[in-house]
Amino acid sequence: MFITDACVGCAFCMLVCPYNAIVVFGRARVDYETCNACMKCIMYCPNSAIGVEFLESGLESGLESGLESGYQEPQEPKSERFRIT
């Protein structure tokens, strides 16, 4: 995941992230240790400011099929490492 210059700091991505992997200080920042690549932030960003780069071949088709079927909550979420209040 990466944040582009289109980010306006609205924090919507932070609110929809089920892993609390995004913090916003001016612009959104992703905690890659906590992020589970569920793509929920990408689907809900009003400015399309979040991108993804695949490092393994074949993942693109998995993303496309996941987006077509709609978001589903992860089966086994990672434990929370921090809470944003």
N, C-alpha and C. Protein backbone atom coordinates (compact mmCIF):
# COMPACT_ATOMS: atom_id res chain seq x y z
N MET A 1 0.84 -1.17 0.00
CA MET A 1 0.00 0.00 0.00
C MET A 1 0.89 1.24 0.00
N PHE A 2 0.47 2.24 -0.68
CA PHE A 2 1.17 3.51 -0.62
C PHE A 2 0.16 4.64 -0.79
N ILE A 3 0.49 5.77 -0.22
CA ILE A 3 -0.39 6.94 -0.25
C ILE A 3 0.13 7.90 -1.31
N THR A 4 -0.75 8.36 -2.20
CA THR A 4 -0.34 9.28 -3.26
C THR A 4 -0.56 10.73 -2.83
N ASP A 5 -0.16 11.65 -3.69
CA ASP A 5 -0.34 13.08 -3.42
C ASP A 5 -1.81 13.50 -3.40
N ALA A 6 -2.70 12.63 -3.84
CA ALA A 6 -4.14 12.94 -3.82
C ALA A 6 -4.72 12.91 -2.41
N CYS A 7 -3.96 12.40 -1.44
CA CYS A 7 -4.45 12.33 -0.06
C CYS A 7 -4.63 13.73 0.51
N VAL A 8 -5.83 13.99 1.06
CA VAL A 8 -6.12 15.29 1.66
C VAL A 8 -6.22 15.20 3.18
N GLY A 9 -5.92 14.02 3.73
CA GLY A 9 -5.94 13.85 5.19
C GLY A 9 -7.32 13.75 5.79
N CYS A 10 -8.29 13.26 5.03
CA CYS A 10 -9.67 13.19 5.54
C CYS A 10 -9.84 12.12 6.62
N ALA A 11 -8.93 11.17 6.71
CA ALA A 11 -8.90 10.11 7.72
C ALA A 11 -9.98 9.04 7.53
N PHE A 12 -10.67 9.04 6.40
CA PHE A 12 -11.68 8.02 6.19
C PHE A 12 -11.05 6.63 6.12
N CYS A 13 -9.87 6.54 5.50
CA CYS A 13 -9.17 5.25 5.42
C CYS A 13 -8.86 4.72 6.82
N MET A 14 -8.47 5.60 7.71
CA MET A 14 -8.16 5.21 9.09
C MET A 14 -9.41 4.67 9.78
N LEU A 15 -10.55 5.28 9.51
CA LEU A 15 -11.79 4.86 10.15
C LEU A 15 -12.29 3.51 9.67
N VAL A 16 -12.05 3.18 8.40
CA VAL A 16 -12.56 1.92 7.85
C VAL A 16 -11.58 0.76 7.99
N CYS A 17 -10.35 1.03 8.38
CA CYS A 17 -9.34 -0.04 8.47
C CYS A 17 -9.64 -0.95 9.67
N PRO A 18 -9.92 -2.24 9.42
CA PRO A 18 -10.23 -3.15 10.52
C PRO A 18 -9.00 -3.53 11.35
N TYR A 19 -7.81 -3.17 10.89
CA TYR A 19 -6.57 -3.53 11.59
C TYR A 19 -5.91 -2.35 12.30
N ASN A 20 -6.53 -1.17 12.24
CA ASN A 20 -5.92 0.04 12.81
C ASN A 20 -4.50 0.25 12.29
N ALA A 21 -4.33 0.03 10.99
CA ALA A 21 -3.01 0.09 10.38
C ALA A 21 -2.71 1.43 9.73
N ILE A 22 -3.63 2.39 9.83
CA ILE A 22 -3.43 3.69 9.19
C ILE A 22 -3.57 4.78 10.23
N VAL A 23 -2.63 5.70 10.21
CA VAL A 23 -2.71 6.90 11.04
C VAL A 23 -2.65 8.11 10.12
N VAL A 24 -3.24 9.20 10.55
CA VAL A 24 -3.26 10.40 9.72
C VAL A 24 -2.67 11.55 10.51
N PHE A 25 -1.58 12.07 10.00
CA PHE A 25 -0.93 13.28 10.51
C PHE A 25 -0.69 14.16 9.29
N GLY A 26 -1.67 14.95 8.91
CA GLY A 26 -1.58 15.71 7.67
C GLY A 26 -1.97 14.84 6.50
N ARG A 27 -1.23 13.76 6.29
CA ARG A 27 -1.53 12.75 5.27
C ARG A 27 -1.56 11.38 5.93
N ALA A 28 -2.23 10.45 5.30
CA ALA A 28 -2.31 9.09 5.83
C ALA A 28 -0.95 8.40 5.74
N ARG A 29 -0.69 7.56 6.74
CA ARG A 29 0.52 6.74 6.76
C ARG A 29 0.12 5.32 7.13
N VAL A 30 0.71 4.34 6.44
CA VAL A 30 0.37 2.94 6.66
C VAL A 30 1.43 2.29 7.54
N ASP A 31 1.00 1.58 8.57
CA ASP A 31 1.89 0.76 9.39
C ASP A 31 1.93 -0.61 8.71
N TYR A 32 3.01 -0.88 7.99
CA TYR A 32 3.09 -2.10 7.19
C TYR A 32 3.19 -3.36 8.03
N GLU A 33 3.59 -3.24 9.27
CA GLU A 33 3.63 -4.40 10.17
C GLU A 33 2.22 -4.83 10.58
N THR A 34 1.30 -3.88 10.62
CA THR A 34 -0.07 -4.14 11.06
C THR A 34 -1.00 -4.39 9.88
N CYS A 35 -0.72 -3.79 8.74
CA CYS A 35 -1.58 -3.90 7.56
C CYS A 35 -1.68 -5.36 7.11
N ASN A 36 -2.90 -5.79 6.81
CA ASN A 36 -3.14 -7.15 6.34
C ASN A 36 -3.54 -7.17 4.87
N ALA A 37 -3.41 -6.03 4.20
CA ALA A 37 -3.73 -5.89 2.77
C ALA A 37 -5.15 -6.32 2.43
N CYS A 38 -6.11 -5.94 3.28
CA CYS A 38 -7.51 -6.28 3.02
C CYS A 38 -8.12 -5.41 1.93
N MET A 39 -7.48 -4.29 1.62
CA MET A 39 -7.88 -3.36 0.55
C MET A 39 -9.11 -2.53 0.87
N LYS A 40 -9.60 -2.59 2.09
CA LYS A 40 -10.79 -1.82 2.45
C LYS A 40 -10.51 -0.32 2.31
N CYS A 41 -9.32 0.12 2.68
CA CYS A 41 -8.98 1.54 2.57
C CYS A 41 -9.02 2.01 1.11
N ILE A 42 -8.56 1.16 0.20
CA ILE A 42 -8.57 1.51 -1.22
C ILE A 42 -10.00 1.65 -1.72
N MET A 43 -10.86 0.73 -1.32
CA MET A 43 -12.25 0.75 -1.80
C MET A 43 -13.03 1.96 -1.30
N TYR A 44 -12.68 2.47 -0.11
CA TYR A 44 -13.47 3.55 0.49
C TYR A 44 -12.82 4.93 0.41
N CYS A 45 -11.61 5.04 -0.10
CA CYS A 45 -10.95 6.35 -0.19
C CYS A 45 -11.70 7.23 -1.19
N PRO A 46 -12.23 8.38 -0.76
CA PRO A 46 -13.00 9.23 -1.68
C PRO A 46 -12.15 9.89 -2.76
N ASN A 47 -10.82 9.92 -2.58
CA ASN A 47 -9.95 10.58 -3.55
C ASN A 47 -9.07 9.61 -4.33
N SER A 48 -9.30 8.32 -4.16
CA SER A 48 -8.46 7.29 -4.81
C SER A 48 -6.98 7.56 -4.56
N ALA A 49 -6.66 7.90 -3.32
CA ALA A 49 -5.30 8.31 -2.96
C ALA A 49 -4.43 7.16 -2.49
N ILE A 50 -4.99 5.96 -2.38
CA ILE A 50 -4.22 4.83 -1.88
C ILE A 50 -4.00 3.86 -3.03
N GLY A 51 -2.76 3.47 -3.20
CA GLY A 51 -2.41 2.53 -4.26
C GLY A 51 -1.78 1.28 -3.68
N VAL A 52 -1.63 0.29 -4.53
CA VAL A 52 -1.01 -0.96 -4.11
C VAL A 52 -0.07 -1.42 -5.22
N GLU A 53 1.05 -1.96 -4.83
CA GLU A 53 2.01 -2.51 -5.78
C GLU A 53 2.25 -3.96 -5.38
N PHE A 54 2.05 -4.87 -6.32
CA PHE A 54 2.20 -6.29 -6.03
C PHE A 54 3.64 -6.72 -6.25
N LEU A 55 4.17 -7.44 -5.30
CA LEU A 55 5.54 -7.91 -5.38
C LEU A 55 5.61 -9.36 -5.85
N GLU A 56 4.49 -10.06 -5.85
CA GLU A 56 4.44 -11.44 -6.31
C GLU A 56 3.48 -11.52 -7.49
N SER A 57 3.83 -12.30 -8.50
CA SER A 57 2.95 -12.43 -9.66
C SER A 57 1.71 -13.22 -9.28
N GLY A 58 0.62 -12.94 -9.94
CA GLY A 58 -0.63 -13.64 -9.70
C GLY A 58 -1.54 -12.97 -8.70
N LEU A 59 -1.02 -12.02 -7.93
CA LEU A 59 -1.85 -11.38 -6.92
C LEU A 59 -2.87 -10.42 -7.53
N GLU A 60 -2.54 -9.89 -8.71
CA GLU A 60 -3.46 -8.94 -9.33
C GLU A 60 -4.82 -9.57 -9.59
N SER A 61 -4.84 -10.80 -10.09
CA SER A 61 -6.12 -11.45 -10.37
C SER A 61 -6.90 -11.70 -9.09
N GLY A 62 -6.20 -11.99 -8.00
CA GLY A 62 -6.87 -12.17 -6.71
C GLY A 62 -7.52 -10.89 -6.24
N LEU A 63 -6.84 -9.76 -6.43
CA LEU A 63 -7.41 -8.47 -6.05
C LEU A 63 -8.65 -8.18 -6.88
N GLU A 64 -8.54 -8.40 -8.19
CA GLU A 64 -9.68 -8.11 -9.06
C GLU A 64 -10.90 -8.94 -8.67
N SER A 65 -10.70 -10.22 -8.40
CA SER A 65 -11.84 -11.05 -8.03
C SER A 65 -12.38 -10.65 -6.67
N GLY A 66 -11.52 -10.22 -5.76
CA GLY A 66 -11.96 -9.77 -4.45
C GLY A 66 -12.77 -8.49 -4.53
N LEU A 67 -12.35 -7.56 -5.38
CA LEU A 67 -13.09 -6.32 -5.53
C LEU A 67 -14.44 -6.55 -6.21
N GLU A 68 -14.48 -7.51 -7.14
CA GLU A 68 -15.74 -7.80 -7.82
C GLU A 68 -16.77 -8.39 -6.87
N SER A 69 -16.30 -9.22 -5.95
CA SER A 69 -17.24 -9.88 -5.05
C SER A 69 -17.60 -9.02 -3.84
N GLY A 70 -16.87 -7.94 -3.62
CA GLY A 70 -17.12 -7.07 -2.48
C GLY A 70 -16.26 -7.42 -1.29
N TYR A 71 -16.11 -6.48 -0.41
CA TYR A 71 -15.26 -6.68 0.77
C TYR A 71 -15.90 -7.65 1.74
N GLN A 72 -15.08 -8.52 2.32
CA GLN A 72 -15.53 -9.42 3.37
C GLN A 72 -14.57 -9.28 4.54
N GLU A 73 -15.09 -9.32 5.76
CA GLU A 73 -14.24 -9.22 6.94
C GLU A 73 -13.23 -10.37 6.94
N PRO A 74 -12.01 -10.10 7.35
CA PRO A 74 -10.98 -11.15 7.42
C PRO A 74 -11.41 -12.25 8.39
N GLN A 75 -11.01 -13.48 8.07
CA GLN A 75 -11.36 -14.62 8.91
C GLN A 75 -10.60 -14.61 10.23
N GLU A 76 -9.30 -14.34 10.18
CA GLU A 76 -8.48 -14.35 11.38
C GLU A 76 -7.71 -13.04 11.48
N PRO A 77 -8.31 -12.00 12.07
CA PRO A 77 -7.61 -10.72 12.16
C PRO A 77 -6.39 -10.81 13.05
N LYS A 78 -5.38 -10.03 12.69
CA LYS A 78 -4.19 -9.94 13.53
C LYS A 78 -4.56 -9.25 14.84
N SER A 79 -3.81 -9.53 15.87
CA SER A 79 -4.08 -8.87 17.15
C SER A 79 -3.77 -7.38 17.03
N GLU A 80 -4.51 -6.58 17.76
CA GLU A 80 -4.26 -5.14 17.74
C GLU A 80 -2.93 -4.84 18.39
N ARG A 81 -2.16 -4.01 17.73
CA ARG A 81 -0.86 -3.62 18.28
C ARG A 81 -0.92 -2.24 18.90
N PHE A 82 -1.89 -1.44 18.49
CA PHE A 82 -2.10 -0.13 19.09
C PHE A 82 -3.52 0.31 18.80
N ARG A 83 -4.02 1.23 19.55
CA ARG A 83 -5.37 1.75 19.35
C ARG A 83 -5.27 3.26 19.19
N ILE A 84 -5.94 3.78 18.18
CA ILE A 84 -5.97 5.21 17.94
C ILE A 84 -7.21 5.76 18.63
N THR A 85 -7.02 6.72 19.53
CA THR A 85 -8.17 7.28 20.25
C THR A 85 -8.34 8.74 19.93
